[in-house]
Amino acid sequence: EGKTDQEKVEVLIELMKGLKGEERKCVYYLALAVARKGQLLWSAEGITDIGYITTKPEKTAIPPSRWMGHIWYYPEFKKTFNQMNEAERNEVRKVGAKLKNELQTYIRSLI
């Protein structure tokens, strides 16, 4: 903590120095749960994002708080997350959006 977005990018790139191919693979695993008084009422989980950490960051400025998107690369789009257009971002967010909708549906059923 306390590091700038640029410093975070540089630290991660340095930590992964020498890693190649699948060794650079990154996965975002999302788990959501609703509980009441220690009782699990609902849960869902899934891998919501798969990509690779680039070996060199983009030369462009990092959007505030979007440092991971600056180096998270999607081979199928040949772009980092921050380079993608909205349609491409929605495509890679499908599983996360599905989990979000499931949670919203469950919460609505409670009201």
N, C-alpha and C. Protein backbone atom coordinates (compact mmCIF):
# COMPACT_ATOMS: atom_id res chain seq x y z
N GLU A 1 0.84 -1.20 0.00
CA GLU A 1 0.00 0.00 0.00
C GLU A 1 0.87 1.25 0.00
N GLY A 2 0.25 2.36 -0.30
CA GLY A 2 0.98 3.62 -0.34
C GLY A 2 1.77 3.83 -1.62
N LYS A 3 1.69 2.89 -2.55
CA LYS A 3 2.42 3.03 -3.81
C LYS A 3 1.50 3.65 -4.87
N THR A 4 2.10 4.33 -5.81
CA THR A 4 1.34 4.87 -6.93
C THR A 4 0.98 3.72 -7.88
N ASP A 5 0.04 3.97 -8.77
CA ASP A 5 -0.33 2.95 -9.76
C ASP A 5 0.89 2.57 -10.60
N GLN A 6 1.69 3.54 -10.98
CA GLN A 6 2.89 3.27 -11.78
C GLN A 6 3.85 2.37 -11.00
N GLU A 7 4.04 2.65 -9.72
CA GLU A 7 4.94 1.82 -8.90
C GLU A 7 4.41 0.39 -8.78
N LYS A 8 3.10 0.24 -8.64
CA LYS A 8 2.50 -1.10 -8.55
C LYS A 8 2.77 -1.89 -9.82
N VAL A 9 2.60 -1.24 -10.97
CA VAL A 9 2.88 -1.89 -12.26
C VAL A 9 4.34 -2.33 -12.30
N GLU A 10 5.24 -1.44 -11.96
CA GLU A 10 6.66 -1.74 -12.02
C GLU A 10 7.04 -2.88 -11.08
N VAL A 11 6.48 -2.90 -9.88
CA VAL A 11 6.78 -3.96 -8.91
C VAL A 11 6.31 -5.31 -9.45
N LEU A 12 5.09 -5.38 -9.97
CA LEU A 12 4.58 -6.65 -10.47
C LEU A 12 5.38 -7.14 -11.68
N ILE A 13 5.69 -6.24 -12.60
CA ILE A 13 6.51 -6.61 -13.76
C ILE A 13 7.86 -7.16 -13.30
N GLU A 14 8.46 -6.51 -12.33
CA GLU A 14 9.76 -6.95 -11.81
C GLU A 14 9.64 -8.32 -11.12
N LEU A 15 8.59 -8.51 -10.33
CA LEU A 15 8.39 -9.80 -9.64
C LEU A 15 8.23 -10.95 -10.63
N MET A 16 7.67 -10.66 -11.79
CA MET A 16 7.41 -11.70 -12.79
C MET A 16 8.51 -11.81 -13.84
N LYS A 17 9.57 -11.05 -13.64
CA LYS A 17 10.70 -11.06 -14.58
C LYS A 17 11.20 -12.50 -14.75
N GLY A 18 11.39 -12.90 -16.00
CA GLY A 18 11.88 -14.25 -16.27
C GLY A 18 10.78 -15.28 -16.50
N LEU A 19 9.55 -14.96 -16.11
CA LEU A 19 8.43 -15.88 -16.34
C LEU A 19 7.94 -15.71 -17.77
N LYS A 20 7.56 -16.83 -18.39
CA LYS A 20 7.12 -16.78 -19.78
C LYS A 20 5.85 -17.59 -19.97
N GLY A 21 5.10 -17.26 -21.02
CA GLY A 21 3.92 -18.03 -21.41
C GLY A 21 2.92 -18.23 -20.28
N GLU A 22 2.58 -19.50 -20.04
CA GLU A 22 1.58 -19.84 -19.03
C GLU A 22 1.98 -19.41 -17.62
N GLU A 23 3.26 -19.21 -17.39
CA GLU A 23 3.72 -18.74 -16.08
C GLU A 23 3.24 -17.31 -15.81
N ARG A 24 2.84 -16.60 -16.85
CA ARG A 24 2.37 -15.22 -16.70
C ARG A 24 0.84 -15.15 -16.66
N LYS A 25 0.21 -16.30 -16.70
CA LYS A 25 -1.26 -16.36 -16.72
C LYS A 25 -1.82 -15.82 -15.40
N CYS A 26 -2.89 -15.07 -15.50
CA CYS A 26 -3.55 -14.54 -14.31
C CYS A 26 -5.04 -14.86 -14.40
N VAL A 27 -5.61 -15.18 -13.26
CA VAL A 27 -7.02 -15.57 -13.18
C VAL A 27 -7.67 -14.78 -12.06
N TYR A 28 -8.83 -14.24 -12.35
CA TYR A 28 -9.62 -13.54 -11.33
C TYR A 28 -10.76 -14.46 -10.94
N TYR A 29 -10.76 -14.90 -9.70
CA TYR A 29 -11.77 -15.81 -9.19
C TYR A 29 -12.68 -15.03 -8.25
N LEU A 30 -13.96 -15.01 -8.55
CA LEU A 30 -14.92 -14.24 -7.76
C LEU A 30 -15.84 -15.18 -6.99
N ALA A 31 -15.96 -14.95 -5.71
CA ALA A 31 -16.89 -15.71 -4.87
C ALA A 31 -17.76 -14.71 -4.12
N LEU A 32 -19.06 -14.91 -4.19
CA LEU A 32 -20.02 -14.04 -3.51
C LEU A 32 -20.84 -14.89 -2.55
N ALA A 33 -21.20 -14.32 -1.42
CA ALA A 33 -22.01 -15.05 -0.45
C ALA A 33 -22.90 -14.07 0.32
N VAL A 34 -24.05 -14.57 0.72
CA VAL A 34 -24.96 -13.84 1.59
C VAL A 34 -25.20 -14.73 2.80
N ALA A 35 -25.01 -14.16 3.98
CA ALA A 35 -25.22 -14.92 5.21
C ALA A 35 -25.98 -14.05 6.21
N ARG A 36 -26.64 -14.71 7.13
CA ARG A 36 -27.35 -14.00 8.20
C ARG A 36 -27.17 -14.79 9.48
N LYS A 37 -26.66 -14.10 10.50
CA LYS A 37 -26.42 -14.72 11.81
C LYS A 37 -25.62 -16.01 11.68
N GLY A 38 -24.59 -15.96 10.85
CA GLY A 38 -23.71 -17.10 10.68
C GLY A 38 -24.23 -18.20 9.78
N GLN A 39 -25.42 -18.04 9.24
CA GLN A 39 -26.03 -19.05 8.37
C GLN A 39 -25.87 -18.63 6.90
N LEU A 40 -25.25 -19.48 6.11
CA LEU A 40 -25.10 -19.20 4.69
C LEU A 40 -26.45 -19.32 4.01
N LEU A 41 -26.87 -18.26 3.33
CA LEU A 41 -28.17 -18.25 2.66
C LEU A 41 -28.03 -18.45 1.15
N TRP A 42 -26.95 -17.94 0.59
CA TRP A 42 -26.75 -18.00 -0.86
C TRP A 42 -25.28 -17.82 -1.16
N SER A 43 -24.81 -18.50 -2.20
CA SER A 43 -23.43 -18.28 -2.64
C SER A 43 -23.29 -18.65 -4.12
N ALA A 44 -22.31 -18.06 -4.74
CA ALA A 44 -21.98 -18.36 -6.14
C ALA A 44 -20.50 -18.04 -6.33
N GLU A 45 -19.90 -18.71 -7.28
CA GLU A 45 -18.48 -18.48 -7.54
C GLU A 45 -18.15 -18.83 -8.97
N GLY A 46 -17.04 -18.29 -9.43
CA GLY A 46 -16.60 -18.61 -10.78
C GLY A 46 -15.36 -17.84 -11.16
N ILE A 47 -14.68 -18.34 -12.16
CA ILE A 47 -13.54 -17.63 -12.74
C ILE A 47 -14.13 -16.58 -13.67
N THR A 48 -13.88 -15.33 -13.35
CA THR A 48 -14.51 -14.25 -14.11
C THR A 48 -13.58 -13.57 -15.11
N ASP A 49 -12.31 -13.92 -15.07
CA ASP A 49 -11.38 -13.25 -15.97
C ASP A 49 -10.10 -14.07 -16.07
N ILE A 50 -9.61 -14.23 -17.29
CA ILE A 50 -8.34 -14.93 -17.52
C ILE A 50 -7.54 -14.11 -18.52
N GLY A 51 -6.30 -13.88 -18.20
CA GLY A 51 -5.42 -13.14 -19.10
C GLY A 51 -3.98 -13.43 -18.77
N TYR A 52 -3.10 -12.57 -19.23
CA TYR A 52 -1.67 -12.72 -18.99
C TYR A 52 -1.09 -11.35 -18.64
N ILE A 53 -0.14 -11.35 -17.73
CA ILE A 53 0.53 -10.10 -17.37
C ILE A 53 1.60 -9.82 -18.44
N THR A 54 1.54 -8.63 -19.00
CA THR A 54 2.50 -8.26 -20.05
C THR A 54 3.92 -8.21 -19.48
N THR A 55 4.89 -8.27 -20.38
CA THR A 55 6.28 -8.16 -19.94
C THR A 55 6.72 -6.71 -19.85
N LYS A 56 6.02 -5.85 -20.61
CA LYS A 56 6.31 -4.41 -20.59
C LYS A 56 4.99 -3.66 -20.55
N PRO A 57 4.89 -2.69 -19.65
CA PRO A 57 3.64 -1.91 -19.60
C PRO A 57 3.51 -0.99 -20.81
N GLU A 58 2.27 -0.61 -21.09
CA GLU A 58 2.01 0.37 -22.15
C GLU A 58 2.77 1.65 -21.84
N LYS A 59 3.00 2.42 -22.86
CA LYS A 59 3.69 3.70 -22.68
C LYS A 59 2.72 4.84 -22.35
N THR A 60 1.43 4.54 -22.32
CA THR A 60 0.42 5.55 -22.04
C THR A 60 0.23 5.72 -20.53
N ALA A 61 -0.42 6.80 -20.16
CA ALA A 61 -0.70 7.06 -18.74
C ALA A 61 -1.69 6.02 -18.22
N ILE A 62 -1.55 5.65 -16.97
CA ILE A 62 -2.45 4.68 -16.34
C ILE A 62 -3.68 5.42 -15.84
N PRO A 63 -4.87 5.00 -16.27
CA PRO A 63 -6.08 5.63 -15.72
C PRO A 63 -6.09 5.42 -14.20
N PRO A 64 -6.55 6.40 -13.43
CA PRO A 64 -6.55 6.29 -11.97
C PRO A 64 -7.19 4.99 -11.48
N SER A 65 -6.46 4.29 -10.63
CA SER A 65 -6.90 3.04 -9.99
C SER A 65 -7.13 1.91 -10.99
N ARG A 66 -6.59 2.00 -12.18
CA ARG A 66 -6.78 0.95 -13.21
C ARG A 66 -5.44 0.32 -13.58
N TRP A 67 -4.55 0.21 -12.61
CA TRP A 67 -3.21 -0.27 -12.91
C TRP A 67 -3.18 -1.71 -13.40
N MET A 68 -4.03 -2.59 -12.88
CA MET A 68 -4.02 -3.98 -13.36
C MET A 68 -4.48 -4.06 -14.81
N GLY A 69 -5.46 -3.24 -15.18
CA GLY A 69 -5.93 -3.22 -16.56
C GLY A 69 -4.88 -2.73 -17.53
N HIS A 70 -3.87 -2.07 -17.01
CA HIS A 70 -2.77 -1.54 -17.81
C HIS A 70 -1.82 -2.65 -18.26
N ILE A 71 -1.78 -3.75 -17.48
CA ILE A 71 -0.83 -4.84 -17.79
C ILE A 71 -1.52 -6.19 -17.97
N TRP A 72 -2.85 -6.25 -17.80
CA TRP A 72 -3.61 -7.50 -17.97
C TRP A 72 -3.94 -7.64 -19.46
N TYR A 73 -3.30 -8.59 -20.11
CA TYR A 73 -3.36 -8.75 -21.56
C TYR A 73 -4.27 -9.91 -21.96
N TYR A 74 -5.09 -9.67 -23.00
CA TYR A 74 -6.01 -10.67 -23.53
C TYR A 74 -5.54 -11.07 -24.93
N PRO A 75 -4.95 -12.26 -25.09
CA PRO A 75 -4.45 -12.67 -26.41
C PRO A 75 -5.53 -12.68 -27.49
N GLU A 76 -6.76 -13.05 -27.12
CA GLU A 76 -7.82 -13.13 -28.13
C GLU A 76 -8.16 -11.76 -28.73
N PHE A 77 -7.89 -10.69 -27.98
CA PHE A 77 -8.13 -9.33 -28.48
C PHE A 77 -6.83 -8.62 -28.86
N LYS A 78 -5.70 -9.21 -28.45
CA LYS A 78 -4.38 -8.61 -28.67
C LYS A 78 -4.31 -7.21 -28.06
N LYS A 79 -4.91 -7.09 -26.86
CA LYS A 79 -4.97 -5.80 -26.15
C LYS A 79 -4.93 -6.03 -24.65
N THR A 80 -4.50 -4.99 -23.94
CA THR A 80 -4.69 -5.00 -22.49
C THR A 80 -6.11 -4.51 -22.22
N PHE A 81 -6.56 -4.72 -20.98
CA PHE A 81 -7.92 -4.32 -20.63
C PHE A 81 -8.14 -2.83 -20.89
N ASN A 82 -7.18 -2.00 -20.53
CA ASN A 82 -7.34 -0.56 -20.70
C ASN A 82 -7.37 -0.13 -22.16
N GLN A 83 -6.91 -0.97 -23.07
CA GLN A 83 -6.94 -0.66 -24.50
C GLN A 83 -8.25 -1.09 -25.16
N MET A 84 -9.03 -1.90 -24.47
CA MET A 84 -10.25 -2.46 -25.07
C MET A 84 -11.37 -1.44 -25.18
N ASN A 85 -12.23 -1.65 -26.18
CA ASN A 85 -13.44 -0.82 -26.27
C ASN A 85 -14.52 -1.44 -25.37
N GLU A 86 -15.63 -0.76 -25.24
CA GLU A 86 -16.68 -1.20 -24.31
C GLU A 86 -17.23 -2.58 -24.67
N ALA A 87 -17.42 -2.87 -25.95
CA ALA A 87 -17.94 -4.19 -26.37
C ALA A 87 -16.98 -5.30 -25.97
N GLU A 88 -15.69 -5.07 -26.14
CA GLU A 88 -14.68 -6.08 -25.77
C GLU A 88 -14.65 -6.26 -24.25
N ARG A 89 -14.75 -5.18 -23.51
CA ARG A 89 -14.78 -5.27 -22.05
C ARG A 89 -16.00 -6.06 -21.57
N ASN A 90 -17.13 -5.80 -22.18
CA ASN A 90 -18.34 -6.54 -21.81
C ASN A 90 -18.20 -8.03 -22.09
N GLU A 91 -17.51 -8.36 -23.16
CA GLU A 91 -17.28 -9.77 -23.51
C GLU A 91 -16.48 -10.49 -22.42
N VAL A 92 -15.42 -9.85 -21.93
CA VAL A 92 -14.60 -10.51 -20.91
C VAL A 92 -15.24 -10.42 -19.52
N ARG A 93 -16.24 -9.59 -19.36
CA ARG A 93 -16.92 -9.45 -18.07
C ARG A 93 -18.17 -10.33 -17.95
N LYS A 94 -18.45 -11.16 -18.95
CA LYS A 94 -19.69 -11.94 -18.98
C LYS A 94 -19.94 -12.76 -17.71
N VAL A 95 -18.96 -13.51 -17.27
CA VAL A 95 -19.15 -14.38 -16.10
C VAL A 95 -19.39 -13.54 -14.85
N GLY A 96 -18.63 -12.46 -14.69
CA GLY A 96 -18.83 -11.58 -13.54
C GLY A 96 -20.20 -10.95 -13.55
N ALA A 97 -20.68 -10.56 -14.73
CA ALA A 97 -22.02 -9.98 -14.86
C ALA A 97 -23.08 -11.01 -14.51
N LYS A 98 -22.85 -12.26 -14.90
CA LYS A 98 -23.80 -13.33 -14.59
C LYS A 98 -23.90 -13.53 -13.08
N LEU A 99 -22.76 -13.56 -12.39
CA LEU A 99 -22.77 -13.71 -10.93
C LEU A 99 -23.46 -12.52 -10.26
N LYS A 100 -23.19 -11.34 -10.76
CA LYS A 100 -23.83 -10.13 -10.23
C LYS A 100 -25.35 -10.23 -10.38
N ASN A 101 -25.81 -10.66 -11.55
CA ASN A 101 -27.26 -10.79 -11.78
C ASN A 101 -27.87 -11.84 -10.87
N GLU A 102 -27.17 -12.95 -10.64
CA GLU A 102 -27.67 -13.98 -9.73
C GLU A 102 -27.82 -13.42 -8.32
N LEU A 103 -26.84 -12.65 -7.87
CA LEU A 103 -26.92 -12.03 -6.55
C LEU A 103 -28.09 -11.06 -6.47
N GLN A 104 -28.24 -10.22 -7.48
CA GLN A 104 -29.35 -9.26 -7.49
C GLN A 104 -30.70 -9.98 -7.48
N THR A 105 -30.82 -11.06 -8.22
CA THR A 105 -32.06 -11.84 -8.25
C THR A 105 -32.35 -12.40 -6.86
N TYR A 106 -31.34 -12.92 -6.20
CA TYR A 106 -31.54 -13.46 -4.85
C TYR A 106 -31.98 -12.36 -3.89
N ILE A 107 -31.31 -11.22 -3.93
CA ILE A 107 -31.66 -10.12 -3.03
C ILE A 107 -33.09 -9.65 -3.29
N ARG A 108 -33.47 -9.54 -4.55
CA ARG A 108 -34.86 -9.14 -4.88
C ARG A 108 -35.87 -10.14 -4.32
N SER A 109 -35.51 -11.41 -4.29
CA SER A 109 -36.43 -12.43 -3.77
C SER A 109 -36.66 -12.28 -2.27
N LEU A 110 -35.77 -11.56 -1.61
CA LEU A 110 -35.90 -11.35 -0.16
C LEU A 110 -36.80 -10.17 0.18
N ILE A 111 -36.99 -9.28 -0.77
CA ILE A 111 -37.76 -8.06 -0.47
C ILE A 111 -39.23 -8.21 -0.82
